PDB file of N, CA and C in Angstrom:
ATOM      1  N   MET A   1     195.070 -67.994 127.619  1.00  0.00           N
ATOM      2  CA  MET A   1     195.844 -68.406 126.497  1.00  0.00           C
ATOM      3  C   MET A   1     196.415 -67.228 125.642  1.00  0.00           C
ATOM      4  N   SER A   2     197.338 -67.303 124.883  1.00  0.00           N
ATOM      5  CA  SER A   2     197.842 -66.456 123.922  1.00  0.00           C
ATOM      6  C   SER A   2     197.454 -67.147 121.985  1.00  0.00           C
ATOM      7  N   THR A   3     196.944 -66.163 121.410  1.00  0.00           N
ATOM      8  CA  THR A   3     196.968 -66.402 120.472  1.00  0.00           C
ATOM      9  C   THR A   3     198.051 -66.747 119.455  1.00  0.00           C
ATOM     10  N   PRO A   4     197.972 -66.760 118.045  1.00  0.00           N
ATOM     11  CA  PRO A   4     199.158 -67.341 117.351  1.00  0.00           C
ATOM     12  C   PRO A   4     199.307 -66.290 116.434  1.00  0.00           C
ATOM     13  N   GLY A   5     200.835 -65.618 116.765  1.00  0.00           N
ATOM     14  CA  GLY A   5     201.169 -64.039 115.887  1.00  0.00           C
ATOM     15  C   GLY A   5     201.331 -64.926 114.178  1.00  0.00           C
ATOM     16  N   PRO A   6     201.627 -63.542 113.658  1.00  0.00           N
ATOM     17  CA  PRO A   6     202.166 -64.058 112.190  1.00  0.00           C
ATOM     18  C   PRO A   6     203.551 -64.878 111.894  1.00  0.00           C
ATOM     19  N   THR A   7     203.845 -65.500 111.138  1.00  0.00           N
ATOM     20  CA  THR A   7     204.767 -66.453 110.993  1.00  0.00           C
ATOM     21  C   THR A   7     205.780 -65.680 110.493  1.00  0.00           C
ATOM     22  N   PRO A   8     207.129 -65.135 111.329  1.00  0.00           N
ATOM     23  CA  PRO A   8     208.302 -64.555 111.022  1.00  0.00           C
ATOM     24  C   PRO A   8     208.750 -64.936 109.279  1.00  0.00           C
ATOM     25  N   PRO A   9     209.341 -64.221 108.781  1.00  0.00           N
ATOM     26  CA  PRO A   9     209.724 -63.825 107.240  1.00  0.00           C
ATOM     27  C   PRO A   9     210.157 -65.031 107.198  1.00  0.00           C
ATOM     28  N   ASP A  10     211.502 -65.649 108.165  1.00  0.00           N
ATOM     29  CA  ASP A  10     212.440 -66.090 107.966  1.00  0.00           C
ATOM     30  C   ASP A  10     212.504 -67.691 108.647  1.00  0.00           C
ATOM     31  N   THR A  11     211.127 -67.980 108.671  1.00  0.00           N
ATOM     32  CA  THR A  11     210.753 -69.130 108.179  1.00  0.00           C
ATOM     33  C   THR A  11     209.871 -69.566 107.751  1.00  0.00           C
ATOM     34  N   ASP A  12     209.912 -71.174 107.848  1.00  0.00           N
ATOM     35  CA  ASP A  12     208.929 -71.635 106.652  1.00  0.00           C
ATOM     36  C   ASP A  12     207.306 -72.337 107.329  1.00  0.00           C
ATOM     37  N   PRO A  13     206.421 -71.714 107.363  1.00  0.00           N
ATOM     38  CA  PRO A  13     205.269 -71.873 107.858  1.00  0.00           C
ATOM     39  C   PRO A  13     204.454 -73.091 107.707  1.00  0.00           C
ATOM     40  N   THR A  14     204.917 -74.034 106.390  1.00  0.00           N
ATOM     41  CA  THR A  14     204.695 -75.731 106.380  1.00  0.00           C
ATOM     42  C   THR A  14     205.451 -76.561 107.337  1.00  0.00           C
ATOM     43  N   GLY A  15     206.886 -75.609 107.909  1.00  0.00           N
ATOM     44  CA  GLY A  15     207.672 -76.721 108.543  1.00  0.00           C
ATOM     45  C   GLY A  15     208.217 -77.559 107.556  1.00  0.00           C
ATOM     46  N   ASP A  16     208.762 -77.279 106.621  1.00  0.00           N
ATOM     47  CA  ASP A  16     209.356 -78.313 105.137  1.00  0.00           C
ATOM     48  C   ASP A  16     210.678 -78.203 105.527  1.00  0.00           C
ATOM     49  N   GLY A  17     211.319 -76.689 106.046  1.00  0.00           N
ATOM     50  CA  GLY A  17     212.180 -76.421 105.958  1.00  0.00           C
ATOM     51  C   GLY A  17     212.797 -75.401 106.134  1.00  0.00           C
ATOM     52  N   PRO A  18     214.188 -74.787 106.186  1.00  0.00           N
ATOM     53  CA  PRO A  18     214.424 -73.454 106.560  1.00  0.00           C
ATOM     54  C   PRO A  18     213.870 -72.237 105.836  1.00  0.00           C
ATOM     55  N   GLY A  19     213.757 -71.411 106.330  1.00  0.00           N
ATOM     56  CA  GLY A  19     212.762 -70.251 105.495  1.00  0.00           C
ATOM     57  C   GLY A  19     213.934 -69.424 104.277  1.00  0.00           C
ATOM     58  N   LEU A  20     212.880 -68.416 103.826  1.00  0.00           N
ATOM     59  CA  LEU A  20     213.967 -67.649 102.564  1.00  0.00           C
ATOM     60  C   LEU A  20     215.709 -67.254 102.940  1.00  0.00           C
ATOM     61  N   ALA A  21     215.724 -66.643 104.065  1.00  0.00           N
ATOM     62  CA  ALA A  21     216.388 -65.525 104.987  1.00  0.00           C
ATOM     63  C   ALA A  21     217.542 -66.645 105.207  1.00  0.00           C
ATOM     64  N   THR A  22     216.944 -67.624 105.850  1.00  0.00           N
ATOM     65  CA  THR A  22     218.334 -68.658 106.556  1.00  0.00           C
ATOM     66  C   THR A  22     218.977 -69.723 105.247  1.00  0.00           C
ATOM     67  N   THR A  23     218.271 -69.818 104.254  1.00  0.00           N
ATOM     68  CA  THR A  23     218.705 -70.427 103.014  1.00  0.00           C
ATOM     69  C   THR A  23     219.577 -69.325 102.124  1.00  0.00           C
ATOM     70  N   ILE A  24     219.261 -68.328 102.251  1.00  0.00           N
ATOM     71  CA  ILE A  24     220.522 -67.405 101.118  1.00  0.00           C
ATOM     72  C   ILE A  24     221.218 -67.160 102.329  1.00  0.00           C
ATOM     73  N   ALA A  25     221.466 -66.988 103.592  1.00  0.00           N
ATOM     74  CA  ALA A  25     222.575 -67.177 104.514  1.00  0.00           C
ATOM     75  C   ALA A  25     223.437 -68.020 104.854  1.00  0.00           C
ATOM     76  N   LEU A  26     222.686 -69.503 104.137  1.00  0.00           N
ATOM     77  CA  LEU A  26     223.767 -70.467 104.198  1.00  0.00           C
ATOM     78  C   LEU A  26     224.430 -70.510 102.695  1.00  0.00           C
ATOM     79  N   TYR A  27     223.890 -70.189 101.459  1.00  0.00           N
ATOM     80  CA  TYR A  27     224.057 -70.669 100.294  1.00  0.00           C
ATOM     81  C   TYR A  27     225.061 -69.612 100.280  1.00  0.00           C
ATOM     82  N   ALA A  28     224.918 -67.966 101.011  1.00  0.00           N
ATOM     83  CA  ALA A  28     226.083 -66.939 101.149  1.00  0.00           C
ATOM     84  C   ALA A  28     227.485 -67.843 102.167  1.00  0.00           C
ATOM     85  N   VAL A  29     227.068 -68.024 103.076  1.00  0.00           N
ATOM     86  CA  VAL A  29     228.605 -68.718 103.745  1.00  0.00           C
ATOM     87  C   VAL A  29     229.212 -69.403 103.186  1.00  0.00           C
ATOM     88  N   ALA A  30     228.577 -70.440 102.300  1.00  0.00           N
ATOM     89  CA  ALA A  30     228.650 -71.840 101.445  1.00  0.00           C
ATOM     90  C   ALA A  30     229.676 -71.304 100.799  1.00  0.00           C
ATOM     91  N   ARG A  31     228.839 -70.424  99.602  1.00  0.00           N
ATOM     92  CA  ARG A  31     230.143 -69.445  98.570  1.00  0.00           C
ATOM     93  C   ARG A  31     231.479 -68.989  99.611  1.00  0.00           C
ATOM     94  N   ILE A  32     231.137 -68.535 100.056  1.00  0.00           N
ATOM     95  CA  ILE A  32     232.417 -67.745 101.138  1.00  0.00           C
ATOM     96  C   ILE A  32     233.268 -68.729 101.390  1.00  0.00           C
ATOM     97  N   ALA A  33     232.579 -69.999 101.859  1.00  0.00           N
ATOM     98  CA  ALA A  33     233.664 -71.046 102.365  1.00  0.00           C
ATOM     99  C   ALA A  33     234.120 -71.558 100.933  1.00  0.00           C
ATOM    100  N   VAL A  34     233.854 -71.621 100.046  1.00  0.00           N
ATOM    101  CA  VAL A  34     234.617 -72.014  99.021  1.00  0.00           C
ATOM    102  C   VAL A  34     235.402 -71.297  98.654  1.00  0.00           C
ATOM    103  N   VAL A  35     235.644 -69.705  98.659  1.00  0.00           N
ATOM    104  CA  VAL A  35     236.381 -69.001  98.308  1.00  0.00           C
ATOM    105  C   VAL A  35     237.598 -68.898  99.350  1.00  0.00           C
ATOM    106  N   ALA A  36     237.104 -68.839 100.635  1.00  0.00           N
ATOM    107  CA  ALA A  36     238.220 -68.600 101.630  1.00  0.00           C
ATOM    108  C   ALA A  36     238.898 -70.455 101.457  1.00  0.00           C
ATOM    109  N   VAL A  37     238.389 -71.411 101.002  1.00  0.00           N
ATOM    110  CA  VAL A  37     239.314 -72.651 100.482  1.00  0.00           C
ATOM    111  C   VAL A  37     240.244 -72.715  99.481  1.00  0.00           C
ATOM    112  N   VAL A  38     239.703 -72.162  98.256  1.00  0.00           N
ATOM    113  CA  VAL A  38     240.751 -72.456  97.507  1.00  0.00           C
ATOM    114  C   VAL A  38     241.795 -71.129  97.573  1.00  0.00           C
ATOM    115  N   ALA A  39     241.690 -69.830  97.913  1.00  0.00           N
ATOM    116  CA  ALA A  39     242.684 -68.878  98.277  1.00  0.00           C
ATOM    117  C   ALA A  39     243.699 -69.602  99.210  1.00  0.00           C
ATOM    118  N   ALA A  40     242.786 -70.213 100.686  1.00  0.00           N
ATOM    119  CA  ALA A  40     243.802 -70.667 100.914  1.00  0.00           C
ATOM    120  C   ALA A  40     245.070 -71.978 100.289  1.00  0.00           C
ATOM    121  N   LEU A  41     244.271 -72.672 100.002  1.00  0.00           N
ATOM    122  CA  LEU A  41     245.167 -73.515  98.808  1.00  0.00           C
ATOM    123  C   LEU A  41     246.095 -73.001  97.866  1.00  0.00           C
ATOM    124  N   LEU A  42     245.216 -71.852  97.586  1.00  0.00           N
ATOM    125  CA  LEU A  42     246.752 -71.353  96.663  1.00  0.00           C
ATOM    126  C   LEU A  42     247.787 -70.388  97.050  1.00  0.00           C
ATOM    127  N   VAL A  43     247.249 -69.720  98.549  1.00  0.00           N
ATOM    128  CA  VAL A  43     248.235 -69.013  99.264  1.00  0.00           C
ATOM    129  C   VAL A  43     249.343 -70.178  99.557  1.00  0.00           C
ATOM    130  N   ALA A  44     249.307 -71.636 100.108  1.00  0.00           N
ATOM    131  CA  ALA A  44     249.562 -72.591 100.580  1.00  0.00           C
ATOM    132  C   ALA A  44     250.683 -73.032  99.074  1.00  0.00           C
ATOM    133  N   ALA A  45     250.379 -72.699  98.472  1.00  0.00           N
ATOM    134  CA  ALA A  45     251.079 -73.218  96.842  1.00  0.00           C
ATOM    135  C   ALA A  45     251.957 -72.143  96.598  1.00  0.00           C
ATOM    136  N   GLY A  46     252.133 -70.911  97.396  1.00  0.00           N
ATOM    137  CA  GLY A  46     253.218 -69.994  97.166  1.00  0.00           C
ATOM    138  C   GLY A  46     252.373 -68.737  96.189  1.00  0.00           C
ATOM    139  N   VAL A  47     251.420 -68.561  96.010  1.00  0.00           N
ATOM    140  CA  VAL A  47     250.627 -67.426  95.039  1.00  0.00           C
ATOM    141  C   VAL A  47     250.027 -66.399  96.268  1.00  0.00           C
ATOM    142  N   PRO A  48     250.599 -64.952  95.974  1.00  0.00           N
ATOM    143  CA  PRO A  48     250.488 -63.997  96.557  1.00  0.00           C
ATOM    144  C   PRO A  48     248.706 -64.112  97.224  1.00  0.00           C
ATOM    145  N   LEU A  49     248.479 -62.996  98.434  1.00  0.00           N
ATOM    146  CA  LEU A  49     247.584 -63.214  98.637  1.00  0.00           C
ATOM    147  C   LEU A  49     246.202 -62.514  98.314  1.00  0.00           C
ATOM    148  N   LEU A  50     246.870 -61.064  97.556  1.00  0.00           N
ATOM    149  CA  LEU A  50     245.525 -60.501  96.820  1.00  0.00           C
ATOM    150  C   LEU A  50     245.326 -61.250  95.621  1.00  0.00           C
ATOM    151  N   LEU A  51     245.861 -62.348  94.967  1.00  0.00           N
ATOM    152  CA  LEU A  51     246.231 -62.941  93.740  1.00  0.00           C
ATOM    153  C   LEU A  51     244.993 -64.005  93.862  1.00  0.00           C
ATOM    154  N   SER A  52     244.989 -64.852  95.174  1.00  0.00           N
ATOM    155  CA  SER A  52     245.050 -66.131  95.611  1.00  0.00           C
ATOM    156  C   SER A  52     243.390 -65.955  95.810  1.00  0.00           C
ATOM    157  N   VAL A  53     242.918 -64.781  96.395  1.00  0.00           N
ATOM    158  CA  VAL A  53     241.276 -64.120  96.757  1.00  0.00           C
ATOM    159  C   VAL A  53     240.850 -63.938  95.356  1.00  0.00           C
ATOM    160  N   LEU A  54     241.416 -62.990  94.483  1.00  0.00           N
ATOM    161  CA  LEU A  54     241.027 -63.268  93.247  1.00  0.00           C
ATOM    162  C   LEU A  54     240.521 -64.354  92.426  1.00  0.00           C
ATOM    163  N   LEU A  55     241.750 -65.457  92.612  1.00  0.00           N
ATOM    164  CA  LEU A  55     241.208 -66.739  92.032  1.00  0.00           C
ATOM    165  C   LEU A  55     240.515 -67.407  91.923  1.00  0.00           C
ATOM    166  N   GLY A  56     240.162 -67.149  93.437  1.00  0.00           N
ATOM    167  CA  GLY A  56     239.209 -67.980  94.346  1.00  0.00           C
ATOM    168  C   GLY A  56     237.911 -67.550  94.214  1.00  0.00           C
ATOM    169  N   ILE A  57     237.667 -66.391  93.889  1.00  0.00           N
ATOM    170  CA  ILE A  57     236.346 -66.073  93.579  1.00  0.00           C
ATOM    171  C   ILE A  57     235.904 -66.125  92.183  1.00  0.00           C
ATOM    172  N   ILE A  58     237.000 -66.259  90.839  1.00  0.00           N
ATOM    173  CA  ILE A  58     236.690 -66.273  89.941  1.00  0.00           C
ATOM    174  C   ILE A  58     236.684 -68.026  89.724  1.00  0.00           C
ATOM    175  N   VAL A  59     237.589 -69.276  90.718  1.00  0.00           N
ATOM    176  CA  VAL A  59     236.844 -70.481  90.744  1.00  0.00           C
ATOM    177  C   VAL A  59     236.019 -70.680  91.389  1.00  0.00           C
ATOM    178  N   ALA A  60     235.580 -70.046  92.324  1.00  0.00           N
ATOM    179  CA  ALA A  60     234.407 -69.999  93.326  1.00  0.00           C
ATOM    180  C   ALA A  60     232.990 -70.981  92.412  1.00  0.00           C
ATOM    181  N   LEU A  61     232.972 -69.535  91.837  1.00  0.00           N
ATOM    182  CA  LEU A  61     231.666 -69.483  90.945  1.00  0.00           C
ATOM    183  C   LEU A  61     231.178 -71.011  90.269  1.00  0.00           C
ATOM    184  N   PRO A  62     231.894 -71.447  89.213  1.00  0.00           N
ATOM    185  CA  PRO A  62     231.367 -72.763  88.382  1.00  0.00           C
ATOM    186  C   PRO A  62     231.511 -73.697  89.762  1.00  0.00           C
ATOM    187  N   LEU A  63     232.545 -73.385  90.595  1.00  0.00           N
ATOM    188  CA  LEU A  63     232.623 -74.817  91.319  1.00  0.00           C
ATOM    189  C   LEU A  63     231.278 -75.200  92.238  1.00  0.00           C
ATOM    190  N   SER A  64     231.265 -74.184  92.766  1.00  0.00           N
ATOM    191  CA  SER A  64     229.964 -73.816  93.553  1.00  0.00           C
ATOM    192  C   SER A  64     228.517 -74.332  92.925  1.00  0.00           C
ATOM    193  N   MET A  65     228.473 -74.160  91.478  1.00  0.00           N
ATOM    194  CA  MET A  65     227.069 -74.837  90.933  1.00  0.00           C
ATOM    195  C   MET A  65     227.300 -76.521  90.963  1.00  0.00           C
ATOM    196  N   PHE A  66     228.300 -76.883  90.852  1.00  0.00           N
ATOM    197  CA  PHE A  66     228.246 -78.086  91.107  1.00  0.00           C
ATOM    198  C   PHE A  66     227.788 -78.917  92.498  1.00  0.00           C
ATOM    199  N   LEU A  67     228.336 -78.242  93.330  1.00  0.00           N
ATOM    200  CA  LEU A  67     228.986 -78.438  94.907  1.00  0.00           C
ATOM    201  C   LEU A  67     227.887 -78.327  95.950  1.00  0.00           C
ATOM    202  N   PHE A  68     227.033 -77.297  95.454  1.00  0.00           N
ATOM    203  CA  PHE A  68     225.526 -77.132  96.136  1.00  0.00           C
ATOM    204  C   PHE A  68     224.091 -77.067  95.565  1.00  0.00           C
ATOM    205  N   ARG A  69     224.366 -77.728  94.371  1.00  0.00           N
ATOM    206  CA  ARG A  69     223.232 -78.537  93.520  1.00  0.00           C
ATOM    207  C   ARG A  69     222.181 -78.312  94.629  1.00  0.00           C
ATOM    208  N   GLY A  70     221.684 -78.857  95.611  1.00  0.00           N
ATOM    209  CA  GLY A  70     221.359 -78.896  96.172  1.00  0.00           C
ATOM    210  C   GLY A  70     220.933 -77.999  97.155  1.00  0.00           C
ATOM    211  N   LEU A  71     221.592 -77.245  97.604  1.00  0.00           N
ATOM    212  CA  LEU A  71     221.161 -75.889  98.390  1.00  0.00           C
ATOM    213  C   LEU A  71     221.066 -74.747  97.296  1.00  0.00           C
ATOM    214  N   ARG A  72     221.294 -75.071  95.927  1.00  0.00           N
ATOM    215  CA  ARG A  72     220.502 -74.239  95.329  1.00  0.00           C
ATOM    216  C   ARG A  72     219.268 -74.345  94.786  1.00  0.00           C
ATOM    217  N   ALA A  73     218.767 -75.565  94.896  1.00  0.00           N
ATOM    218  CA  ALA A  73     217.781 -75.799  94.893  1.00  0.00           C
ATOM    219  C   ALA A  73     216.802 -75.496  95.899  1.00  0.00           C
ATOM    220  N   ARG A  74     217.336 -75.946  96.716  1.00  0.00           N
ATOM    221  CA  ARG A  74     216.098 -75.122  98.286  1.00  0.00           C
ATOM    222  C   ARG A  74     215.967 -73.974  98.071  1.00  0.00           C
ATOM    223  N   LEU A  75     217.079 -73.124  98.135  1.00  0.00           N
ATOM    224  CA  LEU A  75     216.827 -72.139  97.499  1.00  0.00           C
ATOM    225  C   LEU A  75     215.465 -71.236  96.614  1.00  0.00           C
ATOM    226  N   ASP A  76     215.762 -72.044  95.456  1.00  0.00           N
ATOM    227  CA  ASP A  76     214.745 -71.965  94.693  1.00  0.00           C
ATOM    228  C   ASP A  76     213.189 -71.857  95.173  1.00  0.00           C
ATOM    229  N   ARG A  77     213.370 -73.510  95.718  1.00  0.00           N
ATOM    230  CA  ARG A  77     211.813 -73.519  96.142  1.00  0.00           C
ATOM    231  C   ARG A  77     211.587 -72.709  97.714  1.00  0.00           C
ATOM    232  N   ALA A  78     212.735 -72.449  98.330  1.00  0.00           N
ATOM    233  CA  ALA A  78     212.327 -71.093  99.427  1.00  0.00           C
ATOM    234  C   ALA A  78     211.424 -69.537  98.285  1.00  0.00           C
ATOM    235  N   VAL A  79     212.294 -69.683  97.664  1.00  0.00           N
ATOM    236  CA  VAL A  79     211.973 -67.977  96.424  1.00  0.00           C
ATOM    237  C   VAL A  79     210.336 -68.586  96.387  1.00  0.00           C
ATOM    238  N   GLU A  80     210.343 -69.157  95.457  1.00  0.00           N
ATOM    239  CA  GLU A  80     208.618 -70.039  95.138  1.00  0.00           C
ATOM    240  C   GLU A  80     207.970 -69.895  96.099  1.00  0.00           C
ATOM    241  N   ALA A  81     208.269 -70.266  97.185  1.00  0.00           N
ATOM    242  CA  ALA A  81     207.270 -70.038  98.011  1.00  0.00           C
ATOM    243  C   ALA A  81     207.283 -68.572  98.994  1.00  0.00           C
ATOM    244  N   SER A  82     208.095 -68.271  98.723  1.00  0.00           N
ATOM    245  CA  SER A  82     207.620 -66.754  99.247  1.00  0.00           C
ATOM    246  C   SER A  82     207.535 -65.629  98.167  1.00  0.00           C
ATOM    247  N   ARG A  83     207.428 -65.862  96.967  1.00  0.00           N
ATOM    248  CA  ARG A  83     206.317 -65.571  95.323  1.00  0.00           C
ATOM    249  C   ARG A  83     204.892 -65.767  96.306  1.00  0.00           C
ATOM    250  N   SER A  84     204.640 -67.123  96.266  1.00  0.00           N
ATOM    251  CA  SER A  84     203.235 -67.495  96.114  1.00  0.00           C
ATOM    252  C   SER A  84     202.610 -66.791  97.279  1.00  0.00           C
ATOM    253  N   ARG A  85     203.523 -66.948  98.845  1.00  0.00           N
ATOM    254  CA  ARG A  85     202.734 -65.831  99.786  1.00  0.00           C
ATOM    255  C   ARG A  85     202.478 -64.594  99.773  1.00  0.00           C
ATOM    256  N   ARG A  86     203.563 -64.113  98.597  1.00  0.00           N
ATOM    257  CA  ARG A  86     203.507 -62.464  98.237  1.00  0.00           C
ATOM    258  C   ARG A  86     202.286 -62.572  97.636  1.00  0.00           C
ATOM    259  N   ALA A  87     202.033 -63.260  96.963  1.00  0.00           N
ATOM    260  CA  ALA A  87     200.626 -63.774  95.537  1.00  0.00           C
ATOM    261  C   ALA A  87     199.079 -63.159  96.216  1.00  0.00           C
ATOM    262  N   GLN A  88     199.612 -64.514  97.762  1.00  0.00           N
ATOM    263  CA  GLN A  88     198.071 -64.929  98.409  1.00  0.00           C
ATOM    264  C   GLN A  88     198.070 -63.343  98.845  1.00  0.00           C
ATOM    265  N   VAL A  89     199.073 -62.470  99.896  1.00  0.00           N
ATOM    266  CA  VAL A  89     198.718 -61.586 100.645  1.00  0.00           C
ATOM    267  C   VAL A  89     198.051 -60.337  99.535  1.00  0.00           C
ATOM    268  N   ARG A  90     198.737 -60.102  98.390  1.00  0.00           N
ATOM    269  CA  ARG A  90     198.156 -59.512  97.501  1.00  0.00           C
ATOM    270  C   ARG A  90     197.000 -59.328  96.969  1.00  0.00           C
ATOM    271  N   ALA A  91     196.146 -60.937  97.143  1.00  0.00           N
ATOM    272  CA  ALA A  91     194.767 -61.025  96.354  1.00  0.00           C
ATOM    273  C   ALA A  91     194.197 -61.181  97.595  1.00  0.00           C
ATOM    274  N   ARG A  92     194.687 -61.340  99.345  1.00  0.00           N
ATOM    275  CA  ARG A  92     193.827 -60.717  99.588  1.00  0.00           C
ATOM    276  C   ARG A  92     193.698 -59.450 100.103  1.00  0.00           C
ATOM    277  N   LEU A  93     194.482 -58.884 100.113  1.00  0.00           N
ATOM    278  CA  LEU A  93     194.190 -57.034 100.142  1.00  0.00           C
ATOM    279  C   LEU A  93     193.500 -56.692  98.643  1.00  0.00           C
ATOM    280  N   ARG A  94     193.696 -57.009  98.005  1.00  0.00           N
ATOM    281  CA  ARG A  94     192.585 -56.802  96.675  1.00  0.00           C
ATOM    282  C   ARG A  94     191.291 -57.351  96.776  1.00  0.00           C
ATOM    283  N   GLY A  95     191.159 -57.942  97.911  1.00  0.00           N
ATOM    284  CA  GLY A  95     189.374 -58.265  98.037  1.00  0.00           C
ATOM    285  C   GLY A  95     189.244 -59.837  96.780  1.00  0.00           C
ATOM    286  N   ASP A  96     190.471 -60.400  96.238  1.00  0.00           N
ATOM    287  CA  ASP A  96     190.202 -61.429  95.473  1.00  0.00           C
ATOM    288  C   ASP A  96     189.898 -63.129  96.267  1.00  0.00           C
ATOM    289  N   ASP A  97     188.817 -63.297  95.843  1.00  0.00           N
ATOM    290  CA  ASP A  97     188.529 -64.483  96.741  1.00  0.00           C
ATOM    291  C   ASP A  97     188.988 -65.820  96.430  1.00  0.00           C
ATOM    292  N   GLY A  98     189.625 -66.189  95.268  1.00  0.00           N
ATOM    293  CA  GLY A  98     190.014 -67.273  94.585  1.00  0.00           C
ATOM    294  C   GLY A  98     191.504 -67.373  94.957  1.00  0.00           C
ATOM    295  N   PRO A  99     191.960 -68.451  94.457  1.00  0.00           N
ATOM    296  CA  PRO A  99     193.692 -68.742  94.583  1.00  0.00           C
ATOM    297  C   PRO A  99     194.673 -67.682  94.076  1.00  0.00           C
ATOM    298  N   ALA A 100     195.317 -67.210  94.513  1.00  0.00           N
ATOM    299  CA  ALA A 100     196.254 -66.620  93.824  1.00  0.00           C
ATOM    300  C   ALA A 100     196.897 -67.176  92.615  1.00  0.00           C
ATOM    301  N   GLN A 101     197.186 -66.795  91.774  1.00  0.00           N
ATOM    302  CA  GLN A 101     198.027 -67.389  90.600  1.00  0.00           C
ATOM    303  C   GLN A 101     199.288 -66.392  90.660  1.00  0.00           C
ATOM    304  N   VAL A 102     200.696 -67.173  90.699  1.00  0.00           N
ATOM    305  CA  VAL A 102     201.433 -66.958  90.374  1.00  0.00           C
ATOM    306  C   VAL A 102     202.174 -66.431  89.100  1.00  0.00           C
ATOM    307  N   PRO A 103     201.998 -64.914  88.702  1.00  0.00           N
ATOM    308  CA  PRO A 103     202.245 -65.047  86.972  1.00  0.00           C
ATOM    309  C   PRO A 103     204.238 -65.580  86.801  1.00  0.00           C
ATOM    310  N   ASP A 104     204.330 -66.191  85.752  1.00  0.00           N
ATOM    311  CA  ASP A 104     205.489 -66.885  85.444  1.00  0.00           C
ATOM    312  C   ASP A 104     206.010 -65.687  84.012  1.00  0.00           C
ATOM    313  N   PRO A 105     207.554 -65.147  84.962  1.00  0.00           N
ATOM    314  CA  PRO A 105     207.698 -63.942  84.209  1.00  0.00           C
ATOM    315  C   PRO A 105     208.576 -64.217  82.828  1.00  0.00           C
ATOM    316  N   SER A 106     208.295 -65.783  82.222  1.00  0.00           N
ATOM    317  CA  SER A 106     208.826 -65.978  81.403  1.00  0.00           C
ATOM    318  C   SER A 106     207.649 -65.868  80.245  1.00  0.00           C
ATOM    319  N   GLU A 107     206.403 -65.760  80.472  1.00  0.00           N
ATOM    320  CA  GLU A 107     205.000 -65.850  79.676  1.00  0.00           C
ATOM    321  C   GLU A 107     204.659 -64.304  79.451  1.00  0.00           C
ATOM    322  N   PRO A 108     204.533 -64.040  78.030  1.00  0.00           N
ATOM    323  CA  PRO A 108     204.008 -62.865  77.824  1.00  0.00           C
ATOM    324  C   PRO A 108     202.698 -62.548  78.422  1.00  0.00           C
ATOM    325  N   PRO A 109     202.681 -60.996  78.493  1.00  0.00           N
ATOM    326  CA  PRO A 109     201.094 -60.209  79.265  1.00  0.00           C
ATOM    327  C   PRO A 109     199.974 -60.488  79.215  1.00  0.00           C
ATOM    328  N   ALA A 110     198.888 -60.821  79.593  1.00  0.00           N
ATOM    329  CA  ALA A 110     198.072 -61.095  79.068  1.00  0.00           C
ATOM    330  C   ALA A 110     197.246 -59.614  78.161  1.00  0.00           C
ATOM    331  N   GLU A 111     196.383 -59.574  77.302  1.00  0.00           N
ATOM    332  CA  GLU A 111     195.955 -58.282  76.454  1.00  0.00           C
ATOM    333  C   GLU A 111     195.392 -57.461  78.005  1.00  0.00           C
ATOM    334  N   GLY A 112     196.158 -56.297  77.879  1.00  0.00           N
ATOM    335  CA  GLY A 112     195.742 -54.868  79.060  1.00  0.00           C
ATOM    336  C   GLY A 112     196.587 -55.285  79.942  1.00  0.00           C
ATOM    337  N   GLU A 113     197.121 -55.842  80.318  1.00  0.00           N
ATOM    338  CA  GLU A 113     198.793 -55.796  81.104  1.00  0.00           C
ATOM    339  C   GLU A 113     199.854 -55.192  81.339  1.00  0.00           C
ATOM    340  N   PRO A 114     200.487 -54.638  81.702  1.00  0.00           N
ATOM    341  CA  PRO A 114     201.683 -54.067  81.725  1.00  0.00           C
ATOM    342  C   PRO A 114     202.508 -55.197  81.545  1.00  0.00           C
ATOM    343  N   ASP A 115     203.525 -54.899  80.642  1.00  0.00           N
ATOM    344  CA  ASP A 115     204.920 -55.685  80.920  1.00  0.00           C
ATOM    345  C   ASP A 115     205.866 -55.715  81.402  1.00  0.00           C
ATOM    346  N   ARG A 116     205.957 -57.081  82.665  1.00  0.00           N
ATOM    347  CA  ARG A 116     206.873 -56.342  83.504  1.00  0.00           C
ATOM    348  C   ARG A 116     207.928 -57.379  83.662  1.00  0.00           C
ATOM    349  N   ARG A 117     208.239 -57.962  82.385  1.00  0.00           N
ATOM    350  CA  ARG A 117     209.331 -58.568  81.950  1.00  0.00           C
ATOM    351  C   ARG A 117     210.692 -57.876  82.294  1.00  0.00           C
ATOM    352  N   GLN A 118     211.867 -58.780  82.530  1.00  0.00           N
ATOM    353  CA  GLN A 118     212.887 -57.829  82.612  1.00  0.00           C
ATOM    354  C   GLN A 118     213.514 -57.894  81.090  1.00  0.00           C
ATOM    355  N   GLU A 119     214.269 -57.146  80.999  1.00  0.00           N
ATOM    356  CA  GLU A 119     215.266 -57.115  79.239  1.00  0.00           C
ATOM    357  C   GLU A 119     215.732 -58.039  80.016  1.00  0.00           C
TER     358      GLU A 119
END
């Protein structure tokens, strides 16, 4: 019999849904599709192609925020799951016995810890 190997990084080990890489790819393809649709509509209306693509990029940002709300939420969950798995692996490598705590980036660091918040 074969022993189970490590889980590939693009799959979710809990089986709840697609992994981080798959979710990022889905979101990127969806955003590009919105740009293409908006640009195609503008070209059909007689706007030059380059201007249509530029306007499509500008219009796609706020439009995708509303259209892909569920996909963005899934991406947030996948990123959070990836962070917690990474924190667990780091804790095991350090030799910690307890469950790893993922630091909240919005909280100030504890006394004696370096400040790793992004400005």
